[in-house]
Amino acid sequence: MSRSQHRLGEVSSEATASFAEAERLAAALSDGGQLVPKAIEGVPLAAGELAYGDLFPHGWRYFGLEAVAYERRTLLAGGPLLMAMTGVASAIGNRRRRQAAELMAAPQWRPLGLLRVVVTSERLLVWHENDWWSVWFANVTDVRPDAVNGVLELVFDSDPPYRLAGPGVASLGAVLACAMPTRIATA
């Protein structure tokens, strides 16, 4: 499986190997090892902020939509009996369309596509929709690595969680686990 073809839910030996490598990284960092800063061009770093990694995972966010519009239709034709039957059929069709719209608006994992994630000393910089989004480590309340599916979930107090999958996300989980060990869930 190529890295660009990775899809959520596929179990692969690559994901298992990646999480095993991440466990070794976490052990090295907890034994006093240090990350080596990298020069990454075009990244808006604050004064004194260092960059450590540049990843290209697939991303999702878990949220609902405010509302999804649906089309109401009414067809009334014929005499009283036929008019009643077409009215009932219209009501049934409208109900189905409303239920489908409510399902679309319900909270669910919504794809963000391929992201660029730069790991810094203070935050994750996420390139999405032609703009950098800051994910400050202080706002992350939980990190949930899933070695079976090869994904990493980042949970926040007041923002929708991220789900990342792809090369390097397991190592990102290890780095975050060392950066904030009291807030990390174990796989």
N, C-alpha and C. Protein backbone atom coordinates (compact mmCIF):
# COMPACT_ATOMS: atom_id res chain seq x y z
N MET A 1 0.85 -1.18 0.00
CA MET A 1 0.00 0.00 0.00
C MET A 1 0.89 1.24 0.00
N SER A 2 0.65 2.13 -0.93
CA SER A 2 1.44 3.35 -0.95
C SER A 2 0.94 4.30 0.13
N ARG A 3 1.79 5.22 0.55
CA ARG A 3 1.41 6.14 1.61
C ARG A 3 0.25 7.03 1.20
N SER A 4 0.15 7.37 -0.07
CA SER A 4 -0.93 8.24 -0.51
C SER A 4 -2.26 7.51 -0.57
N GLN A 5 -2.25 6.18 -0.52
CA GLN A 5 -3.48 5.40 -0.58
C GLN A 5 -3.97 5.00 0.81
N HIS A 6 -3.33 5.46 1.89
CA HIS A 6 -3.73 5.08 3.24
C HIS A 6 -5.15 5.56 3.52
N ARG A 7 -5.96 4.67 4.03
CA ARG A 7 -7.34 5.00 4.39
C ARG A 7 -7.59 4.56 5.83
N LEU A 8 -8.40 5.32 6.51
CA LEU A 8 -8.75 5.04 7.89
C LEU A 8 -9.35 3.65 7.99
N GLY A 9 -8.93 2.88 8.98
CA GLY A 9 -9.50 1.57 9.24
C GLY A 9 -8.73 0.42 8.63
N GLU A 10 -7.80 0.68 7.74
CA GLU A 10 -7.01 -0.39 7.16
C GLU A 10 -5.87 -0.75 8.10
N VAL A 11 -5.79 -2.00 8.49
CA VAL A 11 -4.71 -2.45 9.35
C VAL A 11 -3.55 -2.87 8.45
N SER A 12 -2.37 -2.36 8.73
CA SER A 12 -1.23 -2.70 7.90
C SER A 12 -0.01 -2.98 8.75
N SER A 13 0.91 -3.73 8.20
CA SER A 13 2.16 -3.99 8.90
C SER A 13 2.98 -2.71 8.99
N GLU A 14 2.80 -1.79 8.03
CA GLU A 14 3.48 -0.51 8.07
C GLU A 14 3.06 0.29 9.30
N ALA A 15 1.75 0.29 9.61
CA ALA A 15 1.25 1.00 10.80
C ALA A 15 1.79 0.37 12.07
N THR A 16 1.82 -0.96 12.12
CA THR A 16 2.34 -1.66 13.30
C THR A 16 3.81 -1.35 13.49
N ALA A 17 4.59 -1.37 12.42
CA ALA A 17 6.01 -1.05 12.51
C ALA A 17 6.22 0.41 12.92
N SER A 18 5.36 1.29 12.42
CA SER A 18 5.47 2.70 12.76
C SER A 18 5.22 2.92 14.25
N PHE A 19 4.25 2.24 14.82
CA PHE A 19 3.97 2.40 16.25
C PHE A 19 5.05 1.74 17.11
N ALA A 20 5.67 0.66 16.61
CA ALA A 20 6.80 0.06 17.34
C ALA A 20 7.98 1.03 17.35
N GLU A 21 8.22 1.70 16.22
CA GLU A 21 9.28 2.70 16.15
C GLU A 21 8.97 3.87 17.10
N ALA A 22 7.71 4.24 17.18
CA ALA A 22 7.30 5.33 18.08
C ALA A 22 7.54 4.96 19.54
N GLU A 23 7.32 3.70 19.89
CA GLU A 23 7.59 3.25 21.27
C GLU A 23 9.07 3.36 21.58
N ARG A 24 9.92 3.03 20.61
CA ARG A 24 11.37 3.18 20.83
C ARG A 24 11.75 4.65 20.99
N LEU A 25 11.12 5.52 20.20
CA LEU A 25 11.37 6.96 20.31
C LEU A 25 10.94 7.47 21.68
N ALA A 26 9.77 7.05 22.14
CA ALA A 26 9.28 7.47 23.45
C ALA A 26 10.22 7.01 24.55
N ALA A 27 10.73 5.78 24.45
CA ALA A 27 11.67 5.27 25.45
C ALA A 27 12.96 6.10 25.44
N ALA A 28 13.45 6.43 24.26
CA ALA A 28 14.68 7.23 24.17
C ALA A 28 14.47 8.62 24.74
N LEU A 29 13.33 9.24 24.46
CA LEU A 29 13.06 10.57 24.99
C LEU A 29 12.87 10.55 26.51
N SER A 30 12.22 9.52 27.02
CA SER A 30 12.03 9.44 28.47
C SER A 30 13.34 9.13 29.19
N ASP A 31 14.32 8.55 28.47
CA ASP A 31 15.64 8.29 29.06
C ASP A 31 16.59 9.48 28.91
N GLY A 32 16.05 10.63 28.49
CA GLY A 32 16.87 11.83 28.41
C GLY A 32 17.28 12.22 27.01
N GLY A 33 16.86 11.48 26.02
CA GLY A 33 17.19 11.83 24.64
C GLY A 33 16.55 13.15 24.24
N GLN A 34 17.11 13.82 23.26
CA GLN A 34 16.62 15.12 22.81
C GLN A 34 16.29 15.07 21.32
N LEU A 35 15.28 15.81 20.95
CA LEU A 35 14.97 15.97 19.53
C LEU A 35 15.94 16.98 18.93
N VAL A 36 16.27 16.79 17.67
CA VAL A 36 17.20 17.68 16.98
C VAL A 36 16.38 18.68 16.16
N PRO A 37 16.55 19.99 16.41
CA PRO A 37 15.81 20.98 15.63
C PRO A 37 16.17 20.92 14.15
N LYS A 38 15.19 21.25 13.30
CA LYS A 38 15.39 21.26 11.85
C LYS A 38 15.04 22.64 11.31
N ALA A 39 15.68 23.02 10.25
CA ALA A 39 15.32 24.25 9.54
C ALA A 39 14.26 23.89 8.51
N ILE A 40 13.07 24.46 8.65
CA ILE A 40 11.97 24.18 7.72
C ILE A 40 11.54 25.52 7.12
N GLU A 41 11.69 25.65 5.82
CA GLU A 41 11.41 26.91 5.13
C GLU A 41 9.91 27.17 5.03
N GLY A 42 9.55 28.45 5.12
CA GLY A 42 8.17 28.87 4.90
C GLY A 42 7.22 28.63 6.04
N VAL A 43 7.74 28.38 7.23
CA VAL A 43 6.90 28.09 8.39
C VAL A 43 6.95 29.29 9.34
N PRO A 44 5.79 29.81 9.77
CA PRO A 44 5.76 31.00 10.63
C PRO A 44 6.05 30.66 12.09
N LEU A 45 7.32 30.63 12.45
CA LEU A 45 7.72 30.32 13.82
C LEU A 45 7.83 31.61 14.64
N ALA A 46 7.45 31.52 15.92
CA ALA A 46 7.61 32.65 16.83
C ALA A 46 9.07 32.74 17.26
N ALA A 47 9.44 33.86 17.86
CA ALA A 47 10.81 34.03 18.35
C ALA A 47 11.12 32.96 19.39
N GLY A 48 12.22 32.26 19.21
CA GLY A 48 12.64 31.22 20.14
C GLY A 48 11.98 29.87 19.91
N GLU A 49 11.03 29.78 19.00
CA GLU A 49 10.35 28.52 18.71
C GLU A 49 11.19 27.70 17.73
N LEU A 50 11.31 26.40 18.00
CA LEU A 50 12.12 25.49 17.17
C LEU A 50 11.21 24.49 16.46
N ALA A 51 11.57 24.14 15.24
CA ALA A 51 10.84 23.12 14.48
C ALA A 51 11.58 21.80 14.58
N TYR A 52 10.83 20.70 14.74
CA TYR A 52 11.43 19.38 14.89
C TYR A 52 11.02 18.38 13.82
N GLY A 53 9.89 18.59 13.20
CA GLY A 53 9.45 17.61 12.21
C GLY A 53 8.44 18.21 11.25
N ASP A 54 8.35 17.60 10.08
CA ASP A 54 7.45 18.04 9.01
C ASP A 54 6.74 16.79 8.50
N LEU A 55 5.44 16.66 8.78
CA LEU A 55 4.67 15.46 8.43
C LEU A 55 3.60 15.79 7.41
N PHE A 56 3.15 14.77 6.67
CA PHE A 56 2.09 14.94 5.69
C PHE A 56 1.03 13.84 5.88
N PRO A 57 0.26 13.92 6.99
CA PRO A 57 -0.76 12.91 7.23
C PRO A 57 -2.11 13.28 6.62
N HIS A 58 -2.99 12.30 6.54
CA HIS A 58 -4.40 12.56 6.22
C HIS A 58 -5.07 12.96 7.51
N GLY A 59 -6.02 13.89 7.44
CA GLY A 59 -6.65 14.38 8.66
C GLY A 59 -8.17 14.38 8.59
N TRP A 60 -8.77 14.28 9.79
CA TRP A 60 -10.21 14.36 9.97
C TRP A 60 -10.48 15.20 11.21
N ARG A 61 -11.66 15.80 11.29
CA ARG A 61 -12.12 16.46 12.52
C ARG A 61 -13.53 15.96 12.81
N TYR A 62 -13.84 15.83 14.10
CA TYR A 62 -15.14 15.32 14.53
C TYR A 62 -16.03 16.49 14.93
N PHE A 63 -17.04 16.78 14.11
CA PHE A 63 -17.96 17.87 14.43
C PHE A 63 -19.25 17.68 13.65
N GLY A 64 -20.28 18.38 14.11
CA GLY A 64 -21.57 18.40 13.42
C GLY A 64 -21.73 19.69 12.66
N LEU A 65 -22.69 19.72 11.78
CA LEU A 65 -22.99 20.92 11.02
C LEU A 65 -24.18 21.63 11.66
N GLU A 66 -24.24 22.94 11.49
CA GLU A 66 -25.34 23.71 12.05
C GLU A 66 -26.68 23.20 11.53
N ALA A 67 -26.83 23.13 10.26
CA ALA A 67 -28.07 22.65 9.66
C ALA A 67 -27.80 22.28 8.21
N VAL A 68 -28.55 21.32 7.73
CA VAL A 68 -28.45 20.95 6.33
C VAL A 68 -29.84 21.11 5.73
N ALA A 69 -29.94 21.89 4.68
CA ALA A 69 -31.22 22.15 4.04
C ALA A 69 -31.69 20.93 3.25
N TYR A 70 -32.97 20.78 3.21
CA TYR A 70 -33.54 19.72 2.38
C TYR A 70 -34.76 20.29 1.67
N GLU A 71 -35.10 19.68 0.56
CA GLU A 71 -36.20 20.19 -0.26
C GLU A 71 -37.51 19.52 0.14
N ARG A 72 -38.50 20.35 0.46
CA ARG A 72 -39.84 19.83 0.75
C ARG A 72 -40.65 19.87 -0.55
N ARG A 73 -41.35 18.79 -0.79
CA ARG A 73 -42.17 18.71 -2.00
C ARG A 73 -43.58 18.29 -1.60
N THR A 74 -44.55 18.85 -2.29
CA THR A 74 -45.94 18.46 -2.07
C THR A 74 -46.61 18.31 -3.43
N LEU A 75 -47.26 17.18 -3.60
CA LEU A 75 -47.98 16.92 -4.83
C LEU A 75 -49.41 16.55 -4.44
N LEU A 76 -50.35 17.31 -4.92
CA LEU A 76 -51.76 17.02 -4.70
C LEU A 76 -52.42 16.93 -6.06
N ALA A 77 -53.07 15.82 -6.32
CA ALA A 77 -53.68 15.63 -7.63
C ALA A 77 -54.95 14.81 -7.51
N GLY A 78 -55.88 14.99 -8.43
CA GLY A 78 -57.07 14.18 -8.52
C GLY A 78 -58.16 14.57 -7.56
N GLY A 79 -59.06 13.60 -7.35
CA GLY A 79 -60.18 13.81 -6.44
C GLY A 79 -59.76 13.65 -5.00
N PRO A 80 -60.72 13.65 -4.08
CA PRO A 80 -60.42 13.61 -2.64
C PRO A 80 -59.56 12.41 -2.23
N LEU A 81 -59.86 11.22 -2.70
CA LEU A 81 -59.09 10.03 -2.31
C LEU A 81 -57.68 10.09 -2.87
N LEU A 82 -57.54 10.40 -4.14
CA LEU A 82 -56.21 10.49 -4.76
C LEU A 82 -55.41 11.64 -4.15
N MET A 83 -56.09 12.76 -3.83
CA MET A 83 -55.42 13.90 -3.21
C MET A 83 -54.88 13.50 -1.83
N ALA A 84 -55.64 12.75 -1.07
CA ALA A 84 -55.19 12.30 0.25
C ALA A 84 -53.99 11.36 0.11
N MET A 85 -54.04 10.46 -0.88
CA MET A 85 -52.94 9.51 -1.07
C MET A 85 -51.66 10.23 -1.51
N THR A 86 -51.77 11.18 -2.43
CA THR A 86 -50.57 11.91 -2.87
C THR A 86 -50.03 12.80 -1.75
N GLY A 87 -50.91 13.33 -0.91
CA GLY A 87 -50.47 14.12 0.24
C GLY A 87 -49.69 13.27 1.23
N VAL A 88 -50.17 12.05 1.51
CA VAL A 88 -49.46 11.14 2.41
C VAL A 88 -48.11 10.74 1.81
N ALA A 89 -48.09 10.44 0.51
CA ALA A 89 -46.83 10.07 -0.14
C ALA A 89 -45.84 11.24 -0.10
N SER A 90 -46.32 12.46 -0.28
CA SER A 90 -45.44 13.63 -0.19
C SER A 90 -44.88 13.79 1.22
N ALA A 91 -45.72 13.58 2.23
CA ALA A 91 -45.26 13.68 3.62
C ALA A 91 -44.19 12.64 3.93
N ILE A 92 -44.38 11.42 3.42
CA ILE A 92 -43.38 10.36 3.64
C ILE A 92 -42.06 10.73 2.96
N GLY A 93 -42.13 11.24 1.74
CA GLY A 93 -40.91 11.65 1.04
C GLY A 93 -40.21 12.79 1.76
N ASN A 94 -40.97 13.77 2.25
CA ASN A 94 -40.38 14.88 2.99
C ASN A 94 -39.72 14.39 4.27
N ARG A 95 -40.32 13.45 4.96
CA ARG A 95 -39.74 12.90 6.19
C ARG A 95 -38.42 12.21 5.91
N ARG A 96 -38.36 11.44 4.84
CA ARG A 96 -37.11 10.75 4.48
C ARG A 96 -36.01 11.76 4.15
N ARG A 97 -36.34 12.81 3.41
CA ARG A 97 -35.34 13.83 3.07
C ARG A 97 -34.87 14.56 4.34
N ARG A 98 -35.79 14.86 5.27
CA ARG A 98 -35.41 15.53 6.52
C ARG A 98 -34.50 14.63 7.35
N GLN A 99 -34.83 13.33 7.45
CA GLN A 99 -33.98 12.40 8.21
C GLN A 99 -32.60 12.29 7.58
N ALA A 100 -32.51 12.24 6.28
CA ALA A 100 -31.21 12.17 5.61
C ALA A 100 -30.40 13.44 5.88
N ALA A 101 -31.07 14.61 5.88
CA ALA A 101 -30.38 15.87 6.17
C ALA A 101 -29.90 15.90 7.61
N GLU A 102 -30.70 15.39 8.55
CA GLU A 102 -30.28 15.34 9.96
C GLU A 102 -29.08 14.42 10.15
N LEU A 103 -29.04 13.30 9.44
CA LEU A 103 -27.88 12.41 9.51
C LEU A 103 -26.63 13.09 8.99
N MET A 104 -26.76 13.86 7.91
CA MET A 104 -25.61 14.59 7.37
C MET A 104 -25.10 15.65 8.34
N ALA A 105 -26.01 16.25 9.12
CA ALA A 105 -25.62 17.31 10.05
C ALA A 105 -25.10 16.76 11.38
N ALA A 106 -25.34 15.49 11.68
CA ALA A 106 -24.93 14.91 12.96
C ALA A 106 -23.41 14.91 13.10
N PRO A 107 -22.91 15.00 14.34
CA PRO A 107 -21.45 14.94 14.55
C PRO A 107 -20.87 13.65 13.99
N GLN A 108 -19.77 13.79 13.25
CA GLN A 108 -19.08 12.65 12.66
C GLN A 108 -17.68 13.08 12.23
N TRP A 109 -16.83 12.09 11.92
CA TRP A 109 -15.49 12.40 11.42
C TRP A 109 -15.63 12.92 10.01
N ARG A 110 -15.18 14.15 9.80
CA ARG A 110 -15.26 14.78 8.50
C ARG A 110 -13.85 14.95 7.93
N PRO A 111 -13.63 14.48 6.70
CA PRO A 111 -12.28 14.51 6.13
C PRO A 111 -11.78 15.92 5.85
N LEU A 112 -10.51 16.12 6.18
CA LEU A 112 -9.83 17.38 5.87
C LEU A 112 -8.90 17.21 4.68
N GLY A 113 -8.61 15.96 4.33
CA GLY A 113 -7.69 15.69 3.23
C GLY A 113 -6.26 15.58 3.73
N LEU A 114 -5.34 15.70 2.80
CA LEU A 114 -3.92 15.64 3.13
C LEU A 114 -3.51 16.95 3.79
N LEU A 115 -2.88 16.86 4.95
CA LEU A 115 -2.45 18.03 5.71
C LEU A 115 -0.93 18.08 5.76
N ARG A 116 -0.42 19.24 6.04
CA ARG A 116 0.99 19.39 6.39
C ARG A 116 1.02 19.77 7.87
N VAL A 117 1.75 19.01 8.67
CA VAL A 117 1.84 19.25 10.10
C VAL A 117 3.31 19.44 10.46
N VAL A 118 3.64 20.62 10.99
CA VAL A 118 5.00 20.92 11.44
C VAL A 118 5.00 20.87 12.96
N VAL A 119 5.86 20.04 13.52
CA VAL A 119 5.98 19.89 14.97
C VAL A 119 7.02 20.90 15.46
N THR A 120 6.61 21.77 16.39
CA THR A 120 7.53 22.76 16.94
C THR A 120 7.68 22.53 18.44
N SER A 121 8.43 23.38 19.07
CA SER A 121 8.65 23.26 20.52
C SER A 121 7.43 23.69 21.32
N GLU A 122 6.47 24.39 20.72
CA GLU A 122 5.32 24.92 21.44
C GLU A 122 3.97 24.42 20.93
N ARG A 123 3.93 23.97 19.69
CA ARG A 123 2.65 23.68 19.05
C ARG A 123 2.83 22.81 17.82
N LEU A 124 1.71 22.44 17.24
CA LEU A 124 1.67 21.85 15.91
C LEU A 124 1.15 22.93 14.98
N LEU A 125 1.82 23.14 13.88
CA LEU A 125 1.34 24.04 12.84
C LEU A 125 0.72 23.18 11.75
N VAL A 126 -0.56 23.39 11.47
CA VAL A 126 -1.29 22.58 10.51
C VAL A 126 -1.64 23.44 9.31
N TRP A 127 -1.15 23.05 8.12
CA TRP A 127 -1.46 23.75 6.89
C TRP A 127 -2.71 23.13 6.29
N HIS A 128 -3.79 23.94 6.25
CA HIS A 128 -5.07 23.47 5.72
C HIS A 128 -5.81 24.66 5.13
N GLU A 129 -6.42 24.47 3.98
CA GLU A 129 -7.15 25.51 3.28
C GLU A 129 -6.30 26.77 3.08
N ASN A 130 -5.06 26.57 2.67
CA ASN A 130 -4.12 27.66 2.37
C ASN A 130 -3.85 28.59 3.54
N ASP A 131 -3.84 28.05 4.75
CA ASP A 131 -3.55 28.85 5.94
C ASP A 131 -2.96 27.94 7.01
N TRP A 132 -2.15 28.54 7.89
CA TRP A 132 -1.58 27.80 9.03
C TRP A 132 -2.53 27.89 10.21
N TRP A 133 -2.84 26.75 10.81
CA TRP A 133 -3.64 26.69 12.03
C TRP A 133 -2.71 26.26 13.15
N SER A 134 -2.78 26.91 14.29
CA SER A 134 -1.95 26.55 15.43
C SER A 134 -2.71 25.62 16.37
N VAL A 135 -2.09 24.51 16.70
CA VAL A 135 -2.62 23.58 17.70
C VAL A 135 -1.62 23.61 18.86
N TRP A 136 -1.91 24.44 19.85
CA TRP A 136 -1.00 24.62 20.98
C TRP A 136 -1.02 23.40 21.88
N PHE A 137 0.16 22.96 22.29
CA PHE A 137 0.25 21.78 23.16
C PHE A 137 -0.55 21.98 24.44
N ALA A 138 -0.62 23.21 24.95
CA ALA A 138 -1.35 23.49 26.19
C ALA A 138 -2.85 23.23 26.04
N ASN A 139 -3.39 23.26 24.81
CA ASN A 139 -4.81 23.04 24.58
C ASN A 139 -5.17 21.58 24.35
N VAL A 140 -4.17 20.73 24.15
CA VAL A 140 -4.42 19.30 23.93
C VAL A 140 -4.66 18.66 25.30
N THR A 141 -5.83 18.04 25.44
CA THR A 141 -6.16 17.40 26.73
C THR A 141 -5.94 15.90 26.72
N ASP A 142 -5.90 15.30 25.54
CA ASP A 142 -5.71 13.85 25.46
C ASP A 142 -5.13 13.51 24.10
N VAL A 143 -4.26 12.51 24.08
CA VAL A 143 -3.69 11.98 22.84
C VAL A 143 -3.97 10.49 22.85
N ARG A 144 -4.65 10.01 21.81
CA ARG A 144 -5.06 8.61 21.76
C ARG A 144 -4.46 7.91 20.55
N PRO A 145 -3.34 7.21 20.75
CA PRO A 145 -2.78 6.44 19.64
C PRO A 145 -3.55 5.15 19.43
N ASP A 146 -3.76 4.77 18.19
CA ASP A 146 -4.45 3.52 17.83
C ASP A 146 -3.54 2.77 16.86
N ALA A 147 -2.74 1.86 17.42
CA ALA A 147 -1.77 1.13 16.60
C ALA A 147 -2.44 0.20 15.60
N VAL A 148 -3.60 -0.34 15.94
CA VAL A 148 -4.29 -1.26 15.05
C VAL A 148 -4.69 -0.57 13.75
N ASN A 149 -5.23 0.64 13.87
CA ASN A 149 -5.68 1.37 12.68
C ASN A 149 -4.66 2.37 12.17
N GLY A 150 -3.55 2.54 12.89
CA GLY A 150 -2.51 3.46 12.47
C GLY A 150 -2.93 4.92 12.51
N VAL A 151 -3.73 5.27 13.54
CA VAL A 151 -4.20 6.65 13.66
C VAL A 151 -3.84 7.22 15.02
N LEU A 152 -3.90 8.54 15.09
CA LEU A 152 -3.63 9.28 16.32
C LEU A 152 -4.73 10.32 16.46
N GLU A 153 -5.39 10.34 17.61
CA GLU A 153 -6.42 11.34 17.87
C GLU A 153 -5.92 12.35 18.88
N LEU A 154 -6.14 13.62 18.59
CA LEU A 154 -5.80 14.71 19.49
C LEU A 154 -7.11 15.32 19.98
N VAL A 155 -7.30 15.35 21.30
CA VAL A 155 -8.55 15.81 21.90
C VAL A 155 -8.31 17.13 22.62
N PHE A 156 -9.29 18.04 22.54
CA PHE A 156 -9.20 19.36 23.13
C PHE A 156 -10.40 19.60 24.03
N ASP A 157 -10.30 20.59 24.94
CA ASP A 157 -11.42 20.94 25.80
C ASP A 157 -12.57 21.57 25.03
N SER A 158 -12.27 22.55 24.19
CA SER A 158 -13.35 23.33 23.58
C SER A 158 -13.35 23.31 22.06
N ASP A 159 -12.53 22.50 21.44
CA ASP A 159 -12.48 22.41 19.98
C ASP A 159 -12.72 20.96 19.55
N PRO A 160 -13.17 20.76 18.31
CA PRO A 160 -13.35 19.39 17.82
C PRO A 160 -12.01 18.66 17.75
N PRO A 161 -11.99 17.36 18.03
CA PRO A 161 -10.73 16.60 17.97
C PRO A 161 -10.25 16.41 16.53
N TYR A 162 -8.94 16.19 16.42
CA TYR A 162 -8.30 15.82 15.16
C TYR A 162 -8.06 14.32 15.17
N ARG A 163 -8.12 13.72 14.01
CA ARG A 163 -7.65 12.34 13.81
C ARG A 163 -6.67 12.40 12.66
N LEU A 164 -5.46 11.88 12.89
CA LEU A 164 -4.40 11.90 11.88
C LEU A 164 -4.00 10.48 11.55
N ALA A 165 -3.72 10.22 10.29
CA ALA A 165 -3.27 8.89 9.85
C ALA A 165 -2.23 9.08 8.76
N GLY A 166 -1.19 8.29 8.84
CA GLY A 166 -0.18 8.35 7.80
C GLY A 166 1.21 8.32 8.38
N PRO A 167 2.20 8.55 7.53
CA PRO A 167 3.59 8.46 7.96
C PRO A 167 3.91 9.47 9.06
N GLY A 168 4.53 8.99 10.12
CA GLY A 168 5.02 9.86 11.18
C GLY A 168 4.06 10.15 12.31
N VAL A 169 2.77 9.79 12.18
CA VAL A 169 1.83 10.14 13.26
C VAL A 169 2.10 9.36 14.54
N ALA A 170 2.61 8.16 14.43
CA ALA A 170 2.94 7.39 15.63
C ALA A 170 4.08 8.06 16.39
N SER A 171 5.07 8.53 15.68
CA SER A 171 6.18 9.24 16.32
C SER A 171 5.70 10.56 16.91
N LEU A 172 4.76 11.22 16.26
CA LEU A 172 4.17 12.43 16.80
C LEU A 172 3.51 12.13 18.14
N GLY A 173 2.80 11.01 18.24
CA GLY A 173 2.19 10.61 19.50
C GLY A 173 3.22 10.40 20.59
N ALA A 174 4.36 9.81 20.23
CA ALA A 174 5.43 9.59 21.21
C ALA A 174 6.01 10.91 21.69
N VAL A 175 6.19 11.85 20.79
CA VAL A 175 6.71 13.17 21.17
C VAL A 175 5.73 13.87 22.09
N LEU A 176 4.44 13.83 21.75
CA LEU A 176 3.44 14.46 22.60
C LEU A 176 3.34 13.78 23.95
N ALA A 177 3.51 12.46 23.98
CA ALA A 177 3.47 11.74 25.25
C ALA A 177 4.59 12.18 26.17
N CYS A 178 5.74 12.46 25.61
CA CYS A 178 6.86 12.93 26.43
C CYS A 178 6.68 14.41 26.81
N ALA A 179 6.02 15.17 25.95
CA ALA A 179 5.82 16.60 26.24
C ALA A 179 4.78 16.82 27.32
N MET A 180 3.78 15.93 27.41
CA MET A 180 2.73 16.07 28.41
C MET A 180 2.26 14.71 28.91
N PRO A 181 3.10 14.02 29.68
CA PRO A 181 2.82 12.64 30.08
C PRO A 181 1.61 12.47 30.98
N THR A 182 1.17 13.46 31.70
CA THR A 182 0.04 13.29 32.60
C THR A 182 -1.29 13.34 31.87
N ARG A 183 -1.29 13.75 30.58
CA ARG A 183 -2.55 13.87 29.85
C ARG A 183 -2.69 12.87 28.72
N ILE A 184 -1.88 11.84 28.67
CA ILE A 184 -1.84 10.94 27.52
C ILE A 184 -2.53 9.62 27.87
N ALA A 185 -3.45 9.17 27.00
CA ALA A 185 -4.06 7.86 27.15
C ALA A 185 -3.14 6.83 26.53
N THR A 186 -3.15 5.64 27.04
CA THR A 186 -2.32 4.57 26.47
C THR A 186 -3.15 3.77 25.48
N ALA A 187 -2.47 3.21 24.50
CA ALA A 187 -3.17 2.44 23.47
C ALA A 187 -3.63 1.11 24.01
